[in-house]
Amino acid sequence: DLLHHYYPIEIDPNRTLEEKRPLMVEWW
């Protein structure tokens, strides 16, 4: 479930790194 939620965010070309970073910390 975590993978399906966060992986699309990780590879989304339209989101900025600033947006992605806290979400990656959350996922890991």
Full PDB file with SEQRES, HELIX, SHEET, SSBOND, CRYST1, ORIGX, SCALE, CONECT and MASTER records, all heavy atoms in Angstrom:
SEQRES   1 A   28  ASP LEU LEU HIS HIS TYR TYR PRO ILE GLU ILE ASP PRO          
SEQRES   2 A   28  ASN ARG THR LEU GLU GLU LYS ARG PRO LEU MET VAL GLU          
SEQRES   3 A   28  TRP TRP                                                      
HELIX    1 AA1 LEU A    2  GLU A   10  1                                   9    
HELIX    2 AA2 LEU A   17  TRP A   27  1                                  11    
CRYST1    1.000    1.000    1.000  90.00  90.00  90.00 P 1           1          
ORIGX1      1.000000  0.000000  0.000000        0.00000                         
ORIGX2      0.000000  1.000000  0.000000        0.00000                         
ORIGX3      0.000000  0.000000  1.000000        0.00000                         
SCALE1      1.000000  0.000000  0.000000        0.00000                         
SCALE2      0.000000  1.000000  0.000000        0.00000                         
SCALE3      0.000000  0.000000  1.000000        0.00000                         
ATOM      1  N   ASP A   1       0.843  -1.206   0.000  1.00  0.00           N  
ATOM      2  CA  ASP A   1       0.000   0.000   0.000  1.00  0.00           C  
ATOM      3  C   ASP A   1       0.879   1.257   0.000  1.00  0.00           C  
ATOM      4  O   ASP A   1       0.587   2.223  -0.709  1.00  0.00           O  
ATOM      5  CB  ASP A   1      -0.917   0.030   1.234  1.00  0.00           C  
ATOM      6  CG  ASP A   1      -2.018  -1.028   1.156  1.00  0.00           C  
ATOM      7  OD1 ASP A   1      -2.231  -1.583   0.050  1.00  0.00           O  
ATOM      8  OD2 ASP A   1      -2.650  -1.314   2.199  1.00  0.00           O  
ATOM      9  N   LEU A   2       1.938   1.225   0.799  1.00  0.00           N  
ATOM     10  CA  LEU A   2       2.854   2.369   0.841  1.00  0.00           C  
ATOM     11  C   LEU A   2       3.467   2.602  -0.539  1.00  0.00           C  
ATOM     12  O   LEU A   2       3.553   3.734  -1.016  1.00  0.00           O  
ATOM     13  CB  LEU A   2       3.985   2.134   1.864  1.00  0.00           C  
ATOM     14  CG  LEU A   2       3.617   2.140   3.348  1.00  0.00           C  
ATOM     15  CD1 LEU A   2       4.859   1.864   4.188  1.00  0.00           C  
ATOM     16  CD2 LEU A   2       3.003   3.473   3.755  1.00  0.00           C  
ATOM     17  N   LEU A   3       3.886   1.510  -1.181  1.00  0.00           N  
ATOM     18  CA  LEU A   3       4.494   1.600  -2.513  1.00  0.00           C  
ATOM     19  C   LEU A   3       3.524   2.242  -3.507  1.00  0.00           C  
ATOM     20  O   LEU A   3       3.882   3.161  -4.246  1.00  0.00           O  
ATOM     21  CB  LEU A   3       4.912   0.204  -2.996  1.00  0.00           C  
ATOM     22  CG  LEU A   3       5.490   0.116  -4.412  1.00  0.00           C  
ATOM     23  CD1 LEU A   3       6.898   0.684  -4.458  1.00  0.00           C  
ATOM     24  CD2 LEU A   3       5.521  -1.335  -4.894  1.00  0.00           C  
ATOM     25  N   HIS A   4       2.286   1.749  -3.503  1.00  0.00           N  
ATOM     26  CA  HIS A   4       1.307   2.268  -4.459  1.00  0.00           C  
ATOM     27  C   HIS A   4       0.979   3.739  -4.202  1.00  0.00           C  
ATOM     28  O   HIS A   4       0.655   4.479  -5.127  1.00  0.00           O  
ATOM     29  CB  HIS A   4       0.026   1.423  -4.438  1.00  0.00           C  
ATOM     30  CG  HIS A   4       0.223   0.057  -5.018  1.00  0.00           C  
ATOM     31  ND1 HIS A   4       0.897  -0.151  -6.201  1.00  0.00           N  
ATOM     32  CD2 HIS A   4      -0.145  -1.179  -4.574  1.00  0.00           C  
ATOM     33  CE1 HIS A   4       0.936  -1.455  -6.462  1.00  0.00           C  
ATOM     34  NE2 HIS A   4       0.322  -2.094  -5.490  1.00  0.00           N  
ATOM     35  N   HIS A   5       1.087   4.148  -2.951  1.00  0.00           N  
ATOM     36  CA  HIS A   5       0.806   5.543  -2.621  1.00  0.00           C  
ATOM     37  C   HIS A   5       1.982   6.463  -2.975  1.00  0.00           C  
ATOM     38  O   HIS A   5       1.804   7.515  -3.589  1.00  0.00           O  
ATOM     39  CB  HIS A   5       0.483   5.672  -1.129  1.00  0.00           C  
ATOM     40  CG  HIS A   5       0.259   7.091  -0.694  1.00  0.00           C  
ATOM     41  ND1 HIS A   5      -0.855   7.814  -1.074  1.00  0.00           N  
ATOM     42  CD2 HIS A   5       1.017   7.931   0.059  1.00  0.00           C  
ATOM     43  CE1 HIS A   5      -0.776   9.038  -0.559  1.00  0.00           C  
ATOM     44  NE2 HIS A   5       0.352   9.142   0.115  1.00  0.00           N  
ATOM     45  N   TYR A   6       3.201   6.049  -2.597  1.00  0.00           N  
ATOM     46  CA  TYR A   6       4.342   6.968  -2.706  1.00  0.00           C  
ATOM     47  C   TYR A   6       5.155   6.865  -4.002  1.00  0.00           C  
ATOM     48  O   TYR A   6       5.759   7.851  -4.422  1.00  0.00           O  
ATOM     49  CB  TYR A   6       5.305   6.770  -1.523  1.00  0.00           C  
ATOM     50  CG  TYR A   6       4.770   7.243  -0.199  1.00  0.00           C  
ATOM     51  CD1 TYR A   6       4.302   6.337   0.750  1.00  0.00           C  
ATOM     52  CD2 TYR A   6       4.744   8.601   0.121  1.00  0.00           C  
ATOM     53  CE1 TYR A   6       3.821   6.771   1.978  1.00  0.00           C  
ATOM     54  CE2 TYR A   6       4.258   9.047   1.345  1.00  0.00           C  
ATOM     55  CZ  TYR A   6       3.801   8.124   2.282  1.00  0.00           C  
ATOM     56  OH  TYR A   6       3.336   8.556   3.493  1.00  0.00           O  
ATOM     57  N   TYR A   7       5.191   5.691  -4.626  1.00  0.00           N  
ATOM     58  CA  TYR A   7       6.037   5.552  -5.832  1.00  0.00           C  
ATOM     59  C   TYR A   7       5.610   6.515  -6.949  1.00  0.00           C  
ATOM     60  O   TYR A   7       6.452   7.170  -7.573  1.00  0.00           O  
ATOM     61  CB  TYR A   7       6.074   4.094  -6.320  1.00  0.00           C  
ATOM     62  CG  TYR A   7       6.908   3.902  -7.581  1.00  0.00           C  
ATOM     63  CD1 TYR A   7       8.297   4.116  -7.557  1.00  0.00           C  
ATOM     64  CD2 TYR A   7       6.324   3.514  -8.787  1.00  0.00           C  
ATOM     65  CE1 TYR A   7       9.065   3.957  -8.718  1.00  0.00           C  
ATOM     66  CE2 TYR A   7       7.084   3.351  -9.940  1.00  0.00           C  
ATOM     67  CZ  TYR A   7       8.448   3.568  -9.903  1.00  0.00           C  
ATOM     68  OH  TYR A   7       9.199   3.413 -11.037  1.00  0.00           O  
ATOM     69  N   PRO A   8       4.284   6.652  -7.214  1.00  0.00           N  
ATOM     70  CA  PRO A   8       3.884   7.615  -8.250  1.00  0.00           C  
ATOM     71  C   PRO A   8       4.353   9.044  -7.924  1.00  0.00           C  
ATOM     72  O   PRO A   8       4.670   9.817  -8.828  1.00  0.00           O  
ATOM     73  CB  PRO A   8       2.347   7.528  -8.244  1.00  0.00           C  
ATOM     74  CG  PRO A   8       2.049   6.166  -7.702  1.00  0.00           C  
ATOM     75  CD  PRO A   8       3.130   5.889  -6.691  1.00  0.00           C  
ATOM     76  N   ILE A   9       4.403   9.383  -6.630  1.00  0.00           N  
ATOM     77  CA  ILE A   9       4.890  10.706  -6.224  1.00  0.00           C  
ATOM     78  C   ILE A   9       6.385  10.809  -6.526  1.00  0.00           C  
ATOM     79  O   ILE A   9       6.860  11.812  -7.060  1.00  0.00           O  
ATOM     80  CB  ILE A   9       4.649  10.938  -4.708  1.00  0.00           C  
ATOM     81  CG1 ILE A   9       3.142  10.924  -4.395  1.00  0.00           C  
ATOM     82  CG2 ILE A   9       5.297  12.242  -4.244  1.00  0.00           C  
ATOM     83  CD1 ILE A   9       2.799  10.916  -2.910  1.00  0.00           C  
ATOM     84  N   GLU A  10       7.120   9.739  -6.205  1.00  0.00           N  
ATOM     85  CA  GLU A  10       8.573   9.742  -6.411  1.00  0.00           C  
ATOM     86  C   GLU A  10       8.936  10.020  -7.864  1.00  0.00           C  
ATOM     87  O   GLU A  10       9.867  10.767  -8.148  1.00  0.00           O  
ATOM     88  CB  GLU A  10       9.171   8.383  -5.989  1.00  0.00           C  
ATOM     89  CG  GLU A  10      10.675   8.316  -6.168  1.00  0.00           C  
ATOM     90  CD  GLU A  10      11.230   6.892  -6.016  1.00  0.00           C  
ATOM     91  OE1 GLU A  10      10.624   6.072  -5.313  1.00  0.00           O  
ATOM     92  OE2 GLU A  10      12.289   6.621  -6.613  1.00  0.00           O  
ATOM     93  N   ILE A  11       8.199   9.415  -8.806  1.00  0.00           N  
ATOM     94  CA  ILE A  11       8.593   9.558 -10.216  1.00  0.00           C  
ATOM     95  C   ILE A  11       7.761  10.595 -10.980  1.00  0.00           C  
ATOM     96  O   ILE A  11       7.919  10.738 -12.185  1.00  0.00           O  
ATOM     97  CB  ILE A  11       8.540   8.196 -10.962  1.00  0.00           C  
ATOM     98  CG1 ILE A  11       7.111   7.655 -11.047  1.00  0.00           C  
ATOM     99  CG2 ILE A  11       9.461   7.174 -10.301  1.00  0.00           C  
ATOM    100  CD1 ILE A  11       6.958   6.490 -12.009  1.00  0.00           C  
ATOM    101  N   ASP A  12       6.906  11.349 -10.269  1.00  0.00           N  
ATOM    102  CA  ASP A  12       6.063  12.347 -10.929  1.00  0.00           C  
ATOM    103  C   ASP A  12       6.915  13.519 -11.436  1.00  0.00           C  
ATOM    104  O   ASP A  12       7.486  14.268 -10.647  1.00  0.00           O  
ATOM    105  CB  ASP A  12       5.024  12.862  -9.924  1.00  0.00           C  
ATOM    106  CG  ASP A  12       4.045  13.838 -10.557  1.00  0.00           C  
ATOM    107  OD1 ASP A  12       4.300  14.288 -11.700  1.00  0.00           O  
ATOM    108  OD2 ASP A  12       3.022  14.154  -9.908  1.00  0.00           O  
ATOM    109  N   PRO A  13       7.009  13.691 -12.786  1.00  0.00           N  
ATOM    110  CA  PRO A  13       7.864  14.756 -13.317  1.00  0.00           C  
ATOM    111  C   PRO A  13       7.325  16.158 -13.026  1.00  0.00           C  
ATOM    112  O   PRO A  13       8.029  17.147 -13.177  1.00  0.00           O  
ATOM    113  CB  PRO A  13       7.904  14.476 -14.825  1.00  0.00           C  
ATOM    114  CG  PRO A  13       6.714  13.636 -15.117  1.00  0.00           C  
ATOM    115  CD  PRO A  13       6.341  12.922 -13.851  1.00  0.00           C  
ATOM    116  N   ASN A  14       6.064  16.253 -12.600  1.00  0.00           N  
ATOM    117  CA  ASN A  14       5.456  17.575 -12.391  1.00  0.00           C  
ATOM    118  C   ASN A  14       5.544  18.087 -10.960  1.00  0.00           C  
ATOM    119  O   ASN A  14       5.135  19.201 -10.673  1.00  0.00           O  
ATOM    120  CB  ASN A  14       3.992  17.540 -12.840  1.00  0.00           C  
ATOM    121  CG  ASN A  14       3.876  17.096 -14.291  1.00  0.00           C  
ATOM    122  OD1 ASN A  14       4.592  17.605 -15.147  1.00  0.00           O  
ATOM    123  ND2 ASN A  14       3.013  16.121 -14.556  1.00  0.00           N  
ATOM    124  N   ARG A  15       6.066  17.267 -10.059  1.00  0.00           N  
ATOM    125  CA  ARG A  15       6.221  17.739  -8.681  1.00  0.00           C  
ATOM    126  C   ARG A  15       7.653  18.192  -8.448  1.00  0.00           C  
ATOM    127  O   ARG A  15       8.586  17.609  -8.988  1.00  0.00           O  
ATOM    128  CB  ARG A  15       5.904  16.613  -7.685  1.00  0.00           C  
ATOM    129  CG  ARG A  15       4.439  16.292  -7.579  1.00  0.00           C  
ATOM    130  CD  ARG A  15       4.243  15.355  -6.402  1.00  0.00           C  
ATOM    131  NE  ARG A  15       2.904  14.811  -6.357  1.00  0.00           N  
ATOM    132  CZ  ARG A  15       2.156  14.825  -5.261  1.00  0.00           C  
ATOM    133  NH1 ARG A  15       2.621  15.334  -4.145  1.00  0.00           N  
ATOM    134  NH2 ARG A  15       0.950  14.298  -5.277  1.00  0.00           N  
ATOM    135  N   THR A  16       7.832  19.181  -7.606  1.00  0.00           N  
ATOM    136  CA  THR A  16       9.186  19.679  -7.338  1.00  0.00           C  
ATOM    137  C   THR A  16       9.870  18.784  -6.300  1.00  0.00           C  
ATOM    138  O   THR A  16       9.207  18.058  -5.552  1.00  0.00           O  
ATOM    139  CB  THR A  16       9.155  21.110  -6.763  1.00  0.00           C  
ATOM    140  OG1 THR A  16       8.505  21.059  -5.476  1.00  0.00           O  
ATOM    141  CG2 THR A  16       8.397  22.059  -7.679  1.00  0.00           C  
ATOM    142  N   LEU A  17      11.199  18.890  -6.240  1.00  0.00           N  
ATOM    143  CA  LEU A  17      11.950  18.123  -5.238  1.00  0.00           C  
ATOM    144  C   LEU A  17      11.543  18.558  -3.837  1.00  0.00           C  
ATOM    145  O   LEU A  17      11.483  17.744  -2.918  1.00  0.00           O  
ATOM    146  CB  LEU A  17      13.455  18.337  -5.431  1.00  0.00           C  
ATOM    147  CG  LEU A  17      14.073  17.676  -6.666  1.00  0.00           C  
ATOM    148  CD1 LEU A  17      15.570  17.932  -6.717  1.00  0.00           C  
ATOM    149  CD2 LEU A  17      13.814  16.176  -6.674  1.00  0.00           C  
ATOM    150  N   GLU A  18      11.248  19.851  -3.674  1.00  0.00           N  
ATOM    151  CA  GLU A  18      10.834  20.372  -2.356  1.00  0.00           C  
ATOM    152  C   GLU A  18       9.561  19.666  -1.889  1.00  0.00           C  
ATOM    153  O   GLU A  18       9.410  19.343  -0.722  1.00  0.00           O  
ATOM    154  CB  GLU A  18      10.577  21.888  -2.423  1.00  0.00           C  
ATOM    155  CG  GLU A  18      11.824  22.760  -2.432  1.00  0.00           C  
ATOM    156  CD  GLU A  18      12.771  22.458  -3.605  1.00  0.00           C  
ATOM    157  OE1 GLU A  18      12.277  22.339  -4.756  1.00  0.00           O  
ATOM    158  OE2 GLU A  18      13.985  22.313  -3.374  1.00  0.00           O  
ATOM    159  N   GLU A  19       8.657  19.442  -2.828  1.00  0.00           N  
ATOM    160  CA  GLU A  19       7.412  18.735  -2.497  1.00  0.00           C  
ATOM    161  C   GLU A  19       7.691  17.271  -2.167  1.00  0.00           C  
ATOM    162  O   GLU A  19       7.080  16.686  -1.280  1.00  0.00           O  
ATOM    163  CB  GLU A  19       6.461  18.752  -3.701  1.00  0.00           C  
ATOM    164  CG  GLU A  19       5.626  19.993  -3.867  1.00  0.00           C  
ATOM    165  CD  GLU A  19       4.809  19.883  -5.152  1.00  0.00           C  
ATOM    166  OE1 GLU A  19       3.716  19.287  -5.100  1.00  0.00           O  
ATOM    167  OE2 GLU A  19       5.275  20.365  -6.208  1.00  0.00           O  
ATOM    168  N   LYS A  20       8.592  16.683  -2.949  1.00  0.00           N  
ATOM    169  CA  LYS A  20       8.809  15.232  -2.830  1.00  0.00           C  
ATOM    170  C   LYS A  20       9.580  14.837  -1.574  1.00  0.00           C  
ATOM    171  O   LYS A  20       9.296  13.802  -0.975  1.00  0.00           O  
ATOM    172  CB  LYS A  20       9.573  14.719  -4.054  1.00  0.00           C  
ATOM    173  CG  LYS A  20       8.770  14.715  -5.342  1.00  0.00           C  
ATOM    174  CD  LYS A  20       9.614  14.189  -6.487  1.00  0.00           C  
ATOM    175  CE  LYS A  20       8.864  14.215  -7.809  1.00  0.00           C  
ATOM    176  NZ  LYS A  20       9.605  13.555  -8.876  1.00  0.00           N  
ATOM    177  N   ARG A  21      10.569  15.649  -1.195  1.00  0.00           N  
ATOM    178  CA  ARG A  21      11.482  15.219  -0.119  1.00  0.00           C  
ATOM    179  C   ARG A  21      10.789  14.792   1.178  1.00  0.00           C  
ATOM    180  O   ARG A  21      11.025  13.687   1.659  1.00  0.00           O  
ATOM    181  CB  ARG A  21      12.518  16.323   0.164  1.00  0.00           C  
ATOM    182  CG  ARG A  21      13.765  16.143  -0.663  1.00  0.00           C  
ATOM    183  CD  ARG A  21      14.915  17.049  -0.244  1.00  0.00           C  
ATOM    184  NE  ARG A  21      15.747  17.318  -1.409  1.00  0.00           N  
ATOM    185  CZ  ARG A  21      15.758  18.454  -2.090  1.00  0.00           C  
ATOM    186  NH1 ARG A  21      14.997  19.467  -1.695  1.00  0.00           N  
ATOM    187  NH2 ARG A  21      16.532  18.594  -3.145  1.00  0.00           N  
ATOM    188  N   PRO A  22       9.917  15.642   1.770  1.00  0.00           N  
ATOM    189  CA  PRO A  22       9.276  15.218   3.030  1.00  0.00           C  
ATOM    190  C   PRO A  22       8.432  13.953   2.858  1.00  0.00           C  
ATOM    191  O   PRO A  22       8.333  13.133   3.777  1.00  0.00           O  
ATOM    192  CB  PRO A  22       8.409  16.415   3.422  1.00  0.00           C  
ATOM    193  CG  PRO A  22       8.314  17.281   2.214  1.00  0.00           C  
ATOM    194  CD  PRO A  22       9.526  17.009   1.382  1.00  0.00           C  
ATOM    195  N   LEU A  23       7.850  13.794   1.671  1.00  0.00           N  
ATOM    196  CA  LEU A  23       7.019  12.609   1.422  1.00  0.00           C  
ATOM    197  C   LEU A  23       7.870  11.349   1.319  1.00  0.00           C  
ATOM    198  O   LEU A  23       7.452  10.258   1.720  1.00  0.00           O  
ATOM    199  CB  LEU A  23       6.182  12.813   0.157  1.00  0.00           C  
ATOM    200  CG  LEU A  23       5.144  13.941   0.285  1.00  0.00           C  
ATOM    201  CD1 LEU A  23       4.577  14.331  -1.069  1.00  0.00           C  
ATOM    202  CD2 LEU A  23       4.029  13.535   1.245  1.00  0.00           C  
ATOM    203  N   MET A  24       9.086  11.485   0.788  1.00  0.00           N  
ATOM    204  CA  MET A  24       9.996  10.332   0.715  1.00  0.00           C  
ATOM    205  C   MET A  24      10.454   9.928   2.120  1.00  0.00           C  
ATOM    206  O   MET A  24      10.525   8.751   2.448  1.00  0.00           O  
ATOM    207  CB  MET A  24      11.214  10.653  -0.166  1.00  0.00           C  
ATOM    208  CG  MET A  24      10.897  10.879  -1.640  1.00  0.00           C  
ATOM    209  SD  MET A  24      10.084   9.467  -2.458  1.00  0.00           S  
ATOM    210  CE  MET A  24       8.387  10.046  -2.593  1.00  0.00           C  
ATOM    211  N   VAL A  25      10.747  10.937   2.960  1.00  0.00           N  
ATOM    212  CA  VAL A  25      11.137  10.646   4.350  1.00  0.00           C  
ATOM    213  C   VAL A  25      10.010   9.873   5.038  1.00  0.00           C  
ATOM    214  O   VAL A  25      10.224   8.881   5.740  1.00  0.00           O  
ATOM    215  CB  VAL A  25      11.444  11.948   5.126  1.00  0.00           C  
ATOM    216  CG1 VAL A  25      11.632  11.673   6.614  1.00  0.00           C  
ATOM    217  CG2 VAL A  25      12.698  12.620   4.558  1.00  0.00           C  
ATOM    218  N   GLU A  26       8.794  10.326   4.798  1.00  0.00           N  
ATOM    219  CA  GLU A  26       7.605   9.686   5.370  1.00  0.00           C  
ATOM    220  C   GLU A  26       7.511   8.223   4.913  1.00  0.00           C  
ATOM    221  O   GLU A  26       7.289   7.314   5.713  1.00  0.00           O  
ATOM    222  CB  GLU A  26       6.396  10.459   4.844  1.00  0.00           C  
ATOM    223  CG  GLU A  26       5.168  10.444   5.690  1.00  0.00           C  
ATOM    224  CD  GLU A  26       4.141  11.411   5.077  1.00  0.00           C  
ATOM    225  OE1 GLU A  26       4.207  12.622   5.342  1.00  0.00           O  
ATOM    226  OE2 GLU A  26       3.301  10.931   4.301  1.00  0.00           O  
ATOM    227  N   TRP A  27       7.696   8.007   3.607  1.00  0.00           N  
ATOM    228  CA  TRP A  27       7.587   6.656   3.032  1.00  0.00           C  
ATOM    229  C   TRP A  27       8.649   5.731   3.628  1.00  0.00           C  
ATOM    230  O   TRP A  27       8.343   4.660   4.145  1.00  0.00           O  
ATOM    231  CB  TRP A  27       7.729   6.738   1.510  1.00  0.00           C  
ATOM    232  CG  TRP A  27       7.667   5.420   0.786  1.00  0.00           C  
ATOM    233  CD1 TRP A  27       7.273   4.209   1.290  1.00  0.00           C  
ATOM    234  CD2 TRP A  27       8.000   5.187  -0.597  1.00  0.00           C  
ATOM    235  NE1 TRP A  27       7.345   3.234   0.301  1.00  0.00           N  
ATOM    236  CE2 TRP A  27       7.786   3.813  -0.851  1.00  0.00           C  
ATOM    237  CE3 TRP A  27       8.442   6.012  -1.629  1.00  0.00           C  
ATOM    238  CZ2 TRP A  27       8.026   3.243  -2.112  1.00  0.00           C  
ATOM    239  CZ3 TRP A  27       8.664   5.453  -2.880  1.00  0.00           C  
ATOM    240  CH2 TRP A  27       8.458   4.075  -3.114  1.00  0.00           C  
ATOM    241  N   TRP A  28       9.896   6.153   3.572  1.00  0.00           N  
ATOM    242  CA  TRP A  28      10.991   5.300   4.066  1.00  0.00           C  
ATOM    243  C   TRP A  28      10.821   5.013   5.560  1.00  0.00           C  
ATOM    244  O   TRP A  28      11.015   3.896   6.005  1.00  0.00           O  
ATOM    245  CB  TRP A  28      12.340   5.991   3.818  1.00  0.00           C  
ATOM    246  CG  TRP A  28      13.084   5.508   2.619  1.00  0.00           C  
ATOM    247  CD1 TRP A  28      14.226   4.755   2.619  1.00  0.00           C  
ATOM    248  CD2 TRP A  28      12.800   5.743   1.229  1.00  0.00           C  
ATOM    249  NE1 TRP A  28      14.651   4.513   1.330  1.00  0.00           N  
ATOM    250  CE2 TRP A  28      13.796   5.111   0.455  1.00  0.00           C  
ATOM    251  CE3 TRP A  28      11.784   6.438   0.562  1.00  0.00           C  
ATOM    252  CZ2 TRP A  28      13.814   5.148  -0.940  1.00  0.00           C  
ATOM    253  CZ3 TRP A  28      11.810   6.480  -0.830  1.00  0.00           C  
ATOM    254  CH2 TRP A  28      12.812   5.830  -1.566  1.00  0.00           C  
TER     255      TRP A  28                                                      
MASTER        0    0    0    2    0    0    0    6  254    1    0    3          
END                                                                             
